Amino acid sequence: MKIAICKLVSRSPYSQSRHHATDKLDKENSGDYEKRTWRERCNTTDDGHIFIPPMAFANCIKHAAKYLSISVPGEGKTKYTKHFEAGILVTEGLKLPENKEDVKGEWLFVPSDGRRGGTTRVSKCFPLIPEWKGTIKFLIFDNKITEEIFTKVLKEAGQLIGIGRFRPVNYGYYGRFSVEDIKWEEQ
């Protein structure tokens, strides 16, 4: 197994939209409920810091491998997609310095059903982190994934796929990142 220790830096803001099922108070209207609970859309650690879940990074690079559809040399029409989908794991998220109680929100007029192009709209607030950086460890179990191909796919993942709400792959522009450095370890 190889471990890619990747220093990543945001290139656009990052926003979360975690589902929550906080109960409404008696006689609380939808607007007041939103004002009271929007911070519950954050993924948080036990001490209240916002973190980017590990699956955000794992899914990002796997989606990029599928999107790029790069052929494995010497294997005909075989693509790297299945090697990335089964052969990469991220076990730790990225803890951010922002605290859930201090994060700024972005109020938007969005479709009430959450589907793009919906006919009825409501005001919702989403947590917004203007910039972030940190180190993520990618565990690479599949030997077909070379350092060169991993680096290429991760760089493209940061530009074309992104992480979080309103990322490029979902017609947005948040969640882009660049790769500052990659250190490799064998285990």
N, C-alpha and C. Protein backbone atom coordinates (compact mmCIF):
# COMPACT_ATOMS: atom_id res chain seq x y z
N MET A 1 0.84 -1.18 0.00
CA MET A 1 0.00 0.00 0.00
C MET A 1 0.89 1.24 0.00
N LYS A 2 0.46 2.23 -0.78
CA LYS A 2 1.13 3.53 -0.80
C LYS A 2 0.24 4.54 -0.09
N ILE A 3 0.86 5.54 0.50
CA ILE A 3 0.13 6.64 1.12
C ILE A 3 0.58 7.92 0.46
N ALA A 4 -0.37 8.68 -0.05
CA ALA A 4 -0.09 9.99 -0.64
C ALA A 4 -0.52 11.04 0.38
N ILE A 5 0.44 11.77 0.91
CA ILE A 5 0.16 12.83 1.88
C ILE A 5 0.14 14.13 1.10
N CYS A 6 -1.08 14.66 0.91
CA CYS A 6 -1.31 15.76 -0.03
C CYS A 6 -1.63 17.07 0.68
N LYS A 7 -0.85 18.09 0.37
CA LYS A 7 -1.16 19.44 0.85
C LYS A 7 -2.08 20.10 -0.16
N LEU A 8 -3.27 20.44 0.28
CA LEU A 8 -4.27 21.02 -0.60
C LEU A 8 -4.59 22.45 -0.14
N VAL A 9 -4.89 23.31 -1.12
CA VAL A 9 -5.24 24.71 -0.84
C VAL A 9 -6.46 25.09 -1.66
N SER A 10 -7.41 25.75 -1.01
CA SER A 10 -8.63 26.15 -1.72
C SER A 10 -8.32 27.17 -2.81
N ARG A 11 -9.11 27.12 -3.87
CA ARG A 11 -9.04 28.09 -4.96
C ARG A 11 -10.37 28.82 -5.12
N SER A 12 -11.35 28.42 -4.32
CA SER A 12 -12.65 29.08 -4.27
C SER A 12 -13.26 28.76 -2.91
N PRO A 13 -14.29 29.48 -2.50
CA PRO A 13 -14.91 29.20 -1.19
C PRO A 13 -15.44 27.76 -1.12
N TYR A 14 -15.68 27.32 0.10
CA TYR A 14 -16.20 25.99 0.36
C TYR A 14 -17.49 26.13 1.17
N SER A 15 -18.51 25.37 0.81
CA SER A 15 -19.78 25.44 1.51
C SER A 15 -20.32 24.05 1.77
N GLN A 16 -20.98 23.88 2.91
CA GLN A 16 -21.53 22.58 3.28
C GLN A 16 -23.05 22.62 3.26
N SER A 17 -23.65 21.45 3.13
CA SER A 17 -25.12 21.35 3.13
C SER A 17 -25.57 20.03 3.74
N ARG A 18 -24.94 19.66 4.85
CA ARG A 18 -25.26 18.41 5.53
C ARG A 18 -26.75 18.39 5.92
N HIS A 19 -27.38 17.27 5.73
CA HIS A 19 -28.78 17.12 6.13
C HIS A 19 -28.87 17.09 7.65
N HIS A 20 -29.86 17.74 8.19
CA HIS A 20 -30.12 17.66 9.62
C HIS A 20 -31.63 17.52 9.84
N ALA A 21 -31.99 16.99 10.97
CA ALA A 21 -33.40 16.77 11.27
C ALA A 21 -33.75 17.40 12.62
N THR A 22 -33.27 18.61 12.83
CA THR A 22 -33.57 19.33 14.06
C THR A 22 -35.07 19.59 14.13
N ASP A 23 -35.64 19.32 15.27
CA ASP A 23 -37.08 19.51 15.45
C ASP A 23 -37.45 20.98 15.46
N LYS A 24 -38.64 21.27 14.93
CA LYS A 24 -39.18 22.64 15.00
C LYS A 24 -39.73 22.88 16.41
N LEU A 25 -39.64 24.11 16.83
CA LEU A 25 -40.24 24.50 18.10
C LEU A 25 -41.74 24.69 17.90
N ASP A 26 -42.48 24.68 18.97
CA ASP A 26 -43.93 24.91 18.88
C ASP A 26 -44.19 26.26 18.23
N LYS A 27 -45.06 26.28 17.24
CA LYS A 27 -45.49 27.49 16.53
C LYS A 27 -44.35 28.24 15.83
N GLU A 28 -43.24 27.53 15.54
CA GLU A 28 -42.11 28.16 14.84
C GLU A 28 -42.37 28.10 13.34
N ASN A 29 -42.28 29.24 12.65
CA ASN A 29 -42.48 29.22 11.20
C ASN A 29 -41.18 28.80 10.50
N SER A 30 -41.28 28.54 9.21
CA SER A 30 -40.13 28.03 8.45
C SER A 30 -38.96 29.00 8.44
N GLY A 31 -39.24 30.30 8.32
CA GLY A 31 -38.17 31.30 8.31
C GLY A 31 -37.40 31.35 9.62
N ASP A 32 -38.12 31.30 10.73
CA ASP A 32 -37.47 31.32 12.05
C ASP A 32 -36.68 30.02 12.27
N TYR A 33 -37.25 28.91 11.81
CA TYR A 33 -36.56 27.62 11.92
C TYR A 33 -35.23 27.68 11.16
N GLU A 34 -35.25 28.24 9.95
CA GLU A 34 -34.02 28.34 9.14
C GLU A 34 -32.98 29.22 9.84
N LYS A 35 -33.41 30.35 10.38
CA LYS A 35 -32.49 31.26 11.08
C LYS A 35 -31.87 30.58 12.30
N ARG A 36 -32.63 29.74 12.96
CA ARG A 36 -32.15 29.09 14.18
C ARG A 36 -31.24 27.89 13.89
N THR A 37 -31.48 27.19 12.78
CA THR A 37 -30.82 25.89 12.59
C THR A 37 -29.83 25.81 11.43
N TRP A 38 -29.62 26.87 10.66
CA TRP A 38 -28.81 26.72 9.45
C TRP A 38 -27.39 26.23 9.73
N ARG A 39 -26.86 26.53 10.89
CA ARG A 39 -25.49 26.08 11.22
C ARG A 39 -25.42 24.55 11.38
N GLU A 40 -26.58 23.91 11.52
CA GLU A 40 -26.60 22.45 11.62
C GLU A 40 -26.21 21.79 10.30
N ARG A 41 -26.11 22.58 9.23
CA ARG A 41 -25.64 22.04 7.94
C ARG A 41 -24.13 21.80 7.93
N CYS A 42 -23.46 22.23 9.00
CA CYS A 42 -22.00 22.02 9.12
C CYS A 42 -21.70 20.62 9.60
N ASN A 43 -20.62 20.05 9.09
CA ASN A 43 -20.05 18.84 9.67
C ASN A 43 -19.09 19.32 10.76
N THR A 44 -19.26 18.83 11.98
CA THR A 44 -18.43 19.34 13.07
C THR A 44 -17.77 18.22 13.86
N THR A 45 -16.65 18.59 14.49
CA THR A 45 -15.97 17.69 15.42
C THR A 45 -16.64 17.81 16.78
N ASP A 46 -16.22 17.00 17.73
CA ASP A 46 -16.79 17.05 19.08
C ASP A 46 -16.56 18.40 19.76
N ASP A 47 -15.47 19.09 19.38
CA ASP A 47 -15.20 20.40 20.00
C ASP A 47 -15.80 21.57 19.22
N GLY A 48 -16.66 21.27 18.23
CA GLY A 48 -17.38 22.32 17.53
C GLY A 48 -16.72 22.90 16.30
N HIS A 49 -15.56 22.38 15.92
CA HIS A 49 -14.90 22.87 14.71
C HIS A 49 -15.51 22.22 13.46
N ILE A 50 -15.56 22.98 12.41
CA ILE A 50 -16.05 22.46 11.14
C ILE A 50 -14.96 21.58 10.54
N PHE A 51 -15.37 20.49 9.92
CA PHE A 51 -14.40 19.66 9.21
C PHE A 51 -14.97 19.25 7.86
N ILE A 52 -14.05 18.98 6.94
CA ILE A 52 -14.43 18.47 5.63
C ILE A 52 -14.35 16.94 5.74
N PRO A 53 -15.46 16.23 5.50
CA PRO A 53 -15.46 14.77 5.68
C PRO A 53 -14.48 14.07 4.74
N PRO A 54 -13.92 12.95 5.19
CA PRO A 54 -12.97 12.22 4.35
C PRO A 54 -13.58 11.77 3.02
N MET A 55 -14.87 11.42 3.03
CA MET A 55 -15.49 10.94 1.79
C MET A 55 -15.60 12.04 0.74
N ALA A 56 -15.57 13.31 1.15
CA ALA A 56 -15.59 14.40 0.17
C ALA A 56 -14.37 14.29 -0.73
N PHE A 57 -13.21 14.03 -0.13
CA PHE A 57 -11.97 13.92 -0.91
C PHE A 57 -11.91 12.60 -1.67
N ALA A 58 -12.33 11.51 -1.03
CA ALA A 58 -12.32 10.20 -1.70
C ALA A 58 -13.26 10.22 -2.91
N ASN A 59 -14.47 10.72 -2.72
CA ASN A 59 -15.42 10.76 -3.83
C ASN A 59 -14.97 11.71 -4.93
N CYS A 60 -14.33 12.79 -4.55
CA CYS A 60 -13.85 13.77 -5.52
C CYS A 60 -12.85 13.13 -6.49
N ILE A 61 -11.85 12.44 -5.96
CA ILE A 61 -10.82 11.85 -6.83
C ILE A 61 -11.40 10.67 -7.63
N LYS A 62 -12.32 9.92 -7.04
CA LYS A 62 -12.94 8.81 -7.76
C LYS A 62 -13.80 9.32 -8.92
N HIS A 63 -14.52 10.39 -8.66
CA HIS A 63 -15.35 11.00 -9.71
C HIS A 63 -14.46 11.53 -10.83
N ALA A 64 -13.32 12.12 -10.46
CA ALA A 64 -12.39 12.65 -11.46
C ALA A 64 -11.82 11.53 -12.34
N ALA A 65 -11.49 10.40 -11.74
CA ALA A 65 -10.96 9.27 -12.51
C ALA A 65 -11.98 8.81 -13.54
N LYS A 66 -13.24 8.76 -13.12
CA LYS A 66 -14.31 8.37 -14.04
C LYS A 66 -14.49 9.42 -15.14
N TYR A 67 -14.50 10.68 -14.75
CA TYR A 67 -14.67 11.79 -15.69
C TYR A 67 -13.54 11.82 -16.74
N LEU A 68 -12.30 11.62 -16.29
CA LEU A 68 -11.15 11.70 -17.20
C LEU A 68 -11.06 10.48 -18.11
N SER A 69 -11.55 9.33 -17.64
CA SER A 69 -11.59 8.11 -18.43
C SER A 69 -10.23 7.79 -19.08
N ILE A 70 -9.19 7.75 -18.26
CA ILE A 70 -7.83 7.50 -18.74
C ILE A 70 -7.61 6.00 -18.87
N SER A 71 -7.07 5.58 -20.00
CA SER A 71 -6.80 4.16 -20.23
C SER A 71 -5.54 3.70 -19.48
N VAL A 72 -5.59 2.45 -19.00
CA VAL A 72 -4.43 1.84 -18.36
C VAL A 72 -3.50 1.37 -19.48
N PRO A 73 -2.25 1.83 -19.48
CA PRO A 73 -1.32 1.45 -20.56
C PRO A 73 -1.16 -0.07 -20.66
N GLY A 74 -1.23 -0.58 -21.89
CA GLY A 74 -1.03 -2.00 -22.15
C GLY A 74 -2.21 -2.89 -21.81
N GLU A 75 -3.36 -2.30 -21.48
CA GLU A 75 -4.52 -3.11 -21.11
C GLU A 75 -5.73 -2.81 -21.98
N GLY A 76 -5.49 -2.51 -23.22
CA GLY A 76 -6.58 -2.29 -24.17
C GLY A 76 -7.46 -1.13 -23.79
N LYS A 77 -8.77 -1.42 -23.66
CA LYS A 77 -9.74 -0.36 -23.35
C LYS A 77 -9.98 -0.20 -21.85
N THR A 78 -9.23 -0.90 -21.02
CA THR A 78 -9.40 -0.80 -19.57
C THR A 78 -9.06 0.61 -19.09
N LYS A 79 -9.92 1.15 -18.25
CA LYS A 79 -9.73 2.50 -17.71
C LYS A 79 -9.30 2.42 -16.24
N TYR A 80 -8.76 3.51 -15.73
CA TYR A 80 -8.37 3.59 -14.32
C TYR A 80 -9.55 3.71 -13.37
N THR A 81 -10.73 3.95 -13.90
CA THR A 81 -11.91 4.22 -13.07
C THR A 81 -12.08 3.19 -11.96
N LYS A 82 -12.14 1.91 -12.31
CA LYS A 82 -12.39 0.88 -11.30
C LYS A 82 -11.25 0.77 -10.30
N HIS A 83 -10.04 1.10 -10.71
CA HIS A 83 -8.89 1.05 -9.80
C HIS A 83 -8.99 2.16 -8.75
N PHE A 84 -9.46 3.34 -9.16
CA PHE A 84 -9.65 4.43 -8.21
C PHE A 84 -10.85 4.16 -7.31
N GLU A 85 -11.94 3.64 -7.88
CA GLU A 85 -13.15 3.41 -7.09
C GLU A 85 -12.93 2.38 -5.99
N ALA A 86 -12.20 1.32 -6.28
CA ALA A 86 -11.98 0.27 -5.28
C ALA A 86 -10.66 0.41 -4.52
N GLY A 87 -9.71 1.13 -5.10
CA GLY A 87 -8.35 1.11 -4.56
C GLY A 87 -7.90 2.32 -3.78
N ILE A 88 -8.79 3.27 -3.50
CA ILE A 88 -8.39 4.48 -2.76
C ILE A 88 -9.33 4.68 -1.58
N LEU A 89 -8.73 5.05 -0.46
CA LEU A 89 -9.48 5.29 0.76
C LEU A 89 -8.92 6.52 1.47
N VAL A 90 -9.81 7.33 2.01
CA VAL A 90 -9.42 8.46 2.87
C VAL A 90 -10.14 8.22 4.19
N THR A 91 -9.38 8.14 5.28
CA THR A 91 -9.98 7.79 6.56
C THR A 91 -10.12 8.97 7.53
N GLU A 92 -9.44 10.06 7.26
CA GLU A 92 -9.51 11.22 8.15
C GLU A 92 -9.91 12.45 7.38
N GLY A 93 -10.85 13.21 7.94
CA GLY A 93 -11.27 14.45 7.33
C GLY A 93 -10.28 15.57 7.64
N LEU A 94 -10.62 16.76 7.19
CA LEU A 94 -9.76 17.93 7.40
C LEU A 94 -10.44 18.88 8.37
N LYS A 95 -9.88 19.01 9.57
CA LYS A 95 -10.43 19.91 10.58
C LYS A 95 -10.04 21.34 10.21
N LEU A 96 -11.04 22.21 10.16
CA LEU A 96 -10.83 23.61 9.81
C LEU A 96 -10.76 24.46 11.08
N PRO A 97 -10.13 25.63 11.01
CA PRO A 97 -10.06 26.49 12.20
C PRO A 97 -11.41 27.11 12.57
N GLU A 98 -12.34 27.19 11.62
CA GLU A 98 -13.65 27.79 11.87
C GLU A 98 -14.47 26.94 12.83
N ASN A 99 -15.12 27.63 13.75
CA ASN A 99 -16.03 26.99 14.69
C ASN A 99 -17.45 27.13 14.15
N LYS A 100 -18.26 26.14 14.39
CA LYS A 100 -19.65 26.14 13.91
C LYS A 100 -20.40 27.41 14.34
N GLU A 101 -20.17 27.87 15.54
CA GLU A 101 -20.89 29.03 16.05
C GLU A 101 -20.43 30.35 15.43
N ASP A 102 -19.23 30.36 14.85
CA ASP A 102 -18.67 31.60 14.29
C ASP A 102 -18.71 31.67 12.77
N VAL A 103 -19.08 30.57 12.12
CA VAL A 103 -19.05 30.54 10.66
C VAL A 103 -20.08 31.53 10.08
N LYS A 104 -19.72 32.15 8.99
CA LYS A 104 -20.63 33.06 8.28
C LYS A 104 -21.55 32.23 7.40
N GLY A 105 -22.73 32.78 7.16
CA GLY A 105 -23.69 32.09 6.31
C GLY A 105 -23.94 32.84 5.02
N GLU A 106 -24.40 32.11 4.03
CA GLU A 106 -24.75 32.69 2.73
C GLU A 106 -26.23 32.40 2.50
N TRP A 107 -27.06 33.46 2.49
CA TRP A 107 -28.50 33.31 2.27
C TRP A 107 -28.78 33.28 0.78
N LEU A 108 -29.53 32.26 0.37
CA LEU A 108 -29.86 32.07 -1.04
C LEU A 108 -31.35 31.77 -1.19
N PHE A 109 -31.88 32.09 -2.35
CA PHE A 109 -33.26 31.78 -2.70
C PHE A 109 -33.20 30.54 -3.58
N VAL A 110 -33.49 29.38 -3.00
CA VAL A 110 -33.24 28.10 -3.66
C VAL A 110 -34.54 27.31 -3.85
N PRO A 111 -34.53 26.34 -4.78
CA PRO A 111 -35.72 25.50 -4.95
C PRO A 111 -36.08 24.78 -3.64
N SER A 112 -37.34 24.78 -3.30
CA SER A 112 -37.77 24.20 -2.02
C SER A 112 -37.53 22.70 -1.94
N ASP A 113 -37.55 22.02 -3.08
CA ASP A 113 -37.33 20.57 -3.07
C ASP A 113 -35.86 20.21 -3.26
N GLY A 114 -34.98 21.22 -3.39
CA GLY A 114 -33.55 20.96 -3.55
C GLY A 114 -33.13 20.56 -4.94
N ARG A 115 -34.06 20.51 -5.87
CA ARG A 115 -33.74 20.10 -7.24
C ARG A 115 -33.54 21.32 -8.12
N ARG A 116 -32.53 21.28 -8.92
CA ARG A 116 -32.23 22.36 -9.84
C ARG A 116 -33.44 22.63 -10.74
N GLY A 117 -33.81 23.92 -10.85
CA GLY A 117 -34.91 24.30 -11.71
C GLY A 117 -36.28 24.14 -11.08
N GLY A 118 -36.33 23.89 -9.78
CA GLY A 118 -37.62 23.72 -9.09
C GLY A 118 -38.50 24.96 -9.23
N THR A 119 -39.79 24.77 -9.20
CA THR A 119 -40.72 25.88 -9.45
C THR A 119 -41.01 26.72 -8.21
N THR A 120 -40.93 26.14 -7.02
CA THR A 120 -41.16 26.94 -5.81
C THR A 120 -39.82 27.12 -5.10
N ARG A 121 -39.62 28.33 -4.56
CA ARG A 121 -38.35 28.66 -3.94
C ARG A 121 -38.55 29.13 -2.50
N VAL A 122 -37.49 28.96 -1.71
CA VAL A 122 -37.47 29.39 -0.31
C VAL A 122 -36.09 29.95 0.02
N SER A 123 -36.02 30.76 1.06
CA SER A 123 -34.73 31.28 1.52
C SER A 123 -34.07 30.25 2.44
N LYS A 124 -32.83 29.94 2.15
CA LYS A 124 -32.05 29.00 2.96
C LYS A 124 -30.67 29.62 3.18
N CYS A 125 -30.05 29.26 4.26
CA CYS A 125 -28.71 29.74 4.57
C CYS A 125 -27.75 28.57 4.63
N PHE A 126 -26.58 28.74 4.02
CA PHE A 126 -25.58 27.69 3.97
C PHE A 126 -24.27 28.22 4.56
N PRO A 127 -23.58 27.41 5.35
CA PRO A 127 -22.29 27.82 5.90
C PRO A 127 -21.29 28.07 4.77
N LEU A 128 -20.49 29.12 4.89
CA LEU A 128 -19.53 29.47 3.84
C LEU A 128 -18.15 29.70 4.44
N ILE A 129 -17.19 28.94 3.98
CA ILE A 129 -15.80 29.08 4.41
C ILE A 129 -15.04 29.70 3.23
N PRO A 130 -14.57 30.95 3.37
CA PRO A 130 -13.94 31.64 2.24
C PRO A 130 -12.68 30.96 1.71
N GLU A 131 -11.88 30.39 2.62
CA GLU A 131 -10.68 29.69 2.17
C GLU A 131 -10.27 28.65 3.21
N TRP A 132 -9.53 27.66 2.76
CA TRP A 132 -9.07 26.59 3.63
C TRP A 132 -7.79 26.00 3.06
N LYS A 133 -7.06 25.30 3.88
CA LYS A 133 -5.90 24.52 3.43
C LYS A 133 -5.62 23.45 4.46
N GLY A 134 -4.94 22.41 4.02
CA GLY A 134 -4.62 21.34 4.95
C GLY A 134 -4.04 20.13 4.24
N THR A 135 -3.77 19.12 5.02
CA THR A 135 -3.15 17.89 4.52
C THR A 135 -4.13 16.73 4.63
N ILE A 136 -4.24 16.00 3.54
CA ILE A 136 -5.12 14.82 3.46
C ILE A 136 -4.26 13.61 3.07
N LYS A 137 -4.50 12.48 3.75
CA LYS A 137 -3.81 11.23 3.41
C LYS A 137 -4.73 10.35 2.58
N PHE A 138 -4.27 10.02 1.40
CA PHE A 138 -4.97 9.07 0.54
C PHE A 138 -4.26 7.73 0.66
N LEU A 139 -5.00 6.70 1.06
CA LEU A 139 -4.45 5.35 1.12
C LEU A 139 -4.72 4.69 -0.23
N ILE A 140 -3.66 4.23 -0.88
CA ILE A 140 -3.78 3.66 -2.23
C ILE A 140 -3.44 2.18 -2.15
N PHE A 141 -4.46 1.35 -2.31
CA PHE A 141 -4.31 -0.10 -2.19
C PHE A 141 -4.04 -0.77 -3.54
N ASP A 142 -4.41 -0.12 -4.63
CA ASP A 142 -4.29 -0.72 -5.96
C ASP A 142 -2.96 -0.29 -6.59
N ASN A 143 -2.10 -1.28 -6.88
CA ASN A 143 -0.77 -0.99 -7.43
C ASN A 143 -0.80 -0.45 -8.86
N LYS A 144 -1.93 -0.58 -9.52
CA LYS A 144 -2.05 -0.02 -10.88
C LYS A 144 -2.02 1.51 -10.84
N ILE A 145 -2.37 2.10 -9.70
CA ILE A 145 -2.40 3.56 -9.57
C ILE A 145 -0.99 4.03 -9.24
N THR A 146 -0.33 4.57 -10.24
CA THR A 146 1.04 5.06 -10.06
C THR A 146 1.02 6.47 -9.46
N GLU A 147 2.17 6.92 -8.99
CA GLU A 147 2.29 8.27 -8.45
C GLU A 147 1.93 9.30 -9.52
N GLU A 148 2.35 9.05 -10.73
CA GLU A 148 2.10 9.98 -11.84
C GLU A 148 0.60 10.10 -12.15
N ILE A 149 -0.08 8.96 -12.24
CA ILE A 149 -1.50 9.01 -12.59
C ILE A 149 -2.32 9.55 -11.42
N PHE A 150 -1.93 9.21 -10.18
CA PHE A 150 -2.63 9.73 -9.01
C PHE A 150 -2.53 11.26 -8.99
N THR A 151 -1.34 11.78 -9.18
CA THR A 151 -1.11 13.23 -9.16
C THR A 151 -1.94 13.92 -10.23
N LYS A 152 -1.95 13.36 -11.43
CA LYS A 152 -2.72 13.96 -12.53
C LYS A 152 -4.22 13.99 -12.19
N VAL A 153 -4.74 12.88 -11.69
CA VAL A 153 -6.17 12.80 -11.39
C VAL A 153 -6.54 13.72 -10.22
N LEU A 154 -5.69 13.79 -9.20
CA LEU A 154 -6.00 14.66 -8.06
C LEU A 154 -6.00 16.14 -8.47
N LYS A 155 -5.05 16.53 -9.30
CA LYS A 155 -5.01 17.93 -9.76
C LYS A 155 -6.27 18.28 -10.56
N GLU A 156 -6.68 17.38 -11.43
CA GLU A 156 -7.89 17.60 -12.21
C GLU A 156 -9.14 17.57 -11.32
N ALA A 157 -9.12 16.72 -10.30
CA ALA A 157 -10.25 16.64 -9.37
C ALA A 157 -10.48 17.98 -8.69
N GLY A 158 -9.40 18.64 -8.31
CA GLY A 158 -9.51 19.94 -7.65
C GLY A 158 -10.06 21.03 -8.54
N GLN A 159 -9.83 20.91 -9.83
CA GLN A 159 -10.30 21.94 -10.76
C GLN A 159 -11.66 21.62 -11.37
N LEU A 160 -11.91 20.36 -11.67
CA LEU A 160 -13.12 19.99 -12.43
C LEU A 160 -14.26 19.41 -11.59
N ILE A 161 -13.93 18.81 -10.46
CA ILE A 161 -14.95 18.14 -9.66
C ILE A 161 -15.25 18.95 -8.39
N GLY A 162 -14.26 19.19 -7.57
CA GLY A 162 -14.41 19.98 -6.35
C GLY A 162 -15.08 19.21 -5.22
N ILE A 163 -15.25 19.92 -4.09
CA ILE A 163 -15.86 19.33 -2.90
C ILE A 163 -16.94 20.27 -2.36
N GLY A 164 -17.87 19.70 -1.63
CA GLY A 164 -18.89 20.51 -0.96
C GLY A 164 -20.07 20.88 -1.85
N ARG A 165 -20.88 21.81 -1.30
CA ARG A 165 -22.07 22.30 -2.00
C ARG A 165 -21.65 23.26 -3.11
N PHE A 166 -22.37 23.22 -4.21
CA PHE A 166 -22.17 24.13 -5.36
C PHE A 166 -20.78 23.96 -5.98
N ARG A 167 -20.32 22.70 -6.05
CA ARG A 167 -19.01 22.40 -6.65
C ARG A 167 -19.14 22.33 -8.17
N PRO A 168 -18.02 22.41 -8.89
CA PRO A 168 -18.05 22.45 -10.35
C PRO A 168 -18.83 21.31 -11.02
N VAL A 169 -18.70 20.11 -10.50
CA VAL A 169 -19.39 18.98 -11.13
C VAL A 169 -20.91 19.10 -11.00
N ASN A 170 -21.36 19.95 -10.06
CA ASN A 170 -22.79 20.19 -9.87
C ASN A 170 -23.17 21.59 -10.35
N TYR A 171 -22.53 22.06 -11.40
CA TYR A 171 -22.83 23.34 -12.04
C TYR A 171 -22.46 24.56 -11.19
N GLY A 172 -21.57 24.39 -10.23
CA GLY A 172 -21.18 25.49 -9.36
C GLY A 172 -19.72 25.88 -9.56
N TYR A 173 -19.23 26.68 -8.63
CA TYR A 173 -17.83 27.09 -8.70
C TYR A 173 -17.16 27.09 -7.33
N TYR A 174 -17.84 26.63 -6.29
CA TYR A 174 -17.23 26.49 -4.97
C TYR A 174 -16.48 25.15 -4.90
N GLY A 175 -15.63 25.05 -3.89
CA GLY A 175 -14.98 23.76 -3.59
C GLY A 175 -13.81 23.39 -4.46
N ARG A 176 -13.32 24.33 -5.27
CA ARG A 176 -12.12 24.03 -6.08
C ARG A 176 -10.89 24.09 -5.19
N PHE A 177 -9.88 23.29 -5.52
CA PHE A 177 -8.63 23.31 -4.76
C PHE A 177 -7.46 22.98 -5.69
N SER A 178 -6.27 23.34 -5.22
CA SER A 178 -5.06 22.95 -5.96
C SER A 178 -4.16 22.13 -5.04
N VAL A 179 -3.27 21.39 -5.66
CA VAL A 179 -2.36 20.51 -4.94
C VAL A 179 -1.02 21.24 -4.80
N GLU A 180 -0.64 21.54 -3.57
CA GLU A 180 0.62 22.24 -3.31
C GLU A 180 1.80 21.29 -3.28
N ASP A 181 1.57 20.10 -2.71
CA ASP A 181 2.68 19.15 -2.53
C ASP A 181 2.11 17.76 -2.28
N ILE A 182 2.87 16.75 -2.70
CA ILE A 182 2.52 15.37 -2.38
C ILE A 182 3.78 14.66 -1.90
N LYS A 183 3.69 14.06 -0.72
CA LYS A 183 4.78 13.23 -0.20
C LYS A 183 4.28 11.79 -0.22
N TRP A 184 5.18 10.88 -0.56
CA TRP A 184 4.79 9.49 -0.70
C TRP A 184 5.41 8.62 0.37
N GLU A 185 4.64 7.68 0.88
CA GLU A 185 5.14 6.67 1.83
C GLU A 185 4.70 5.30 1.35
N GLU A 186 5.51 4.31 1.62
CA GLU A 186 5.17 2.90 1.34
C GLU A 186 4.86 2.23 2.67
N GLN A 187 3.88 1.34 2.66
CA GLN A 187 3.60 0.61 3.87
C GLN A 187 3.41 -0.85 3.59
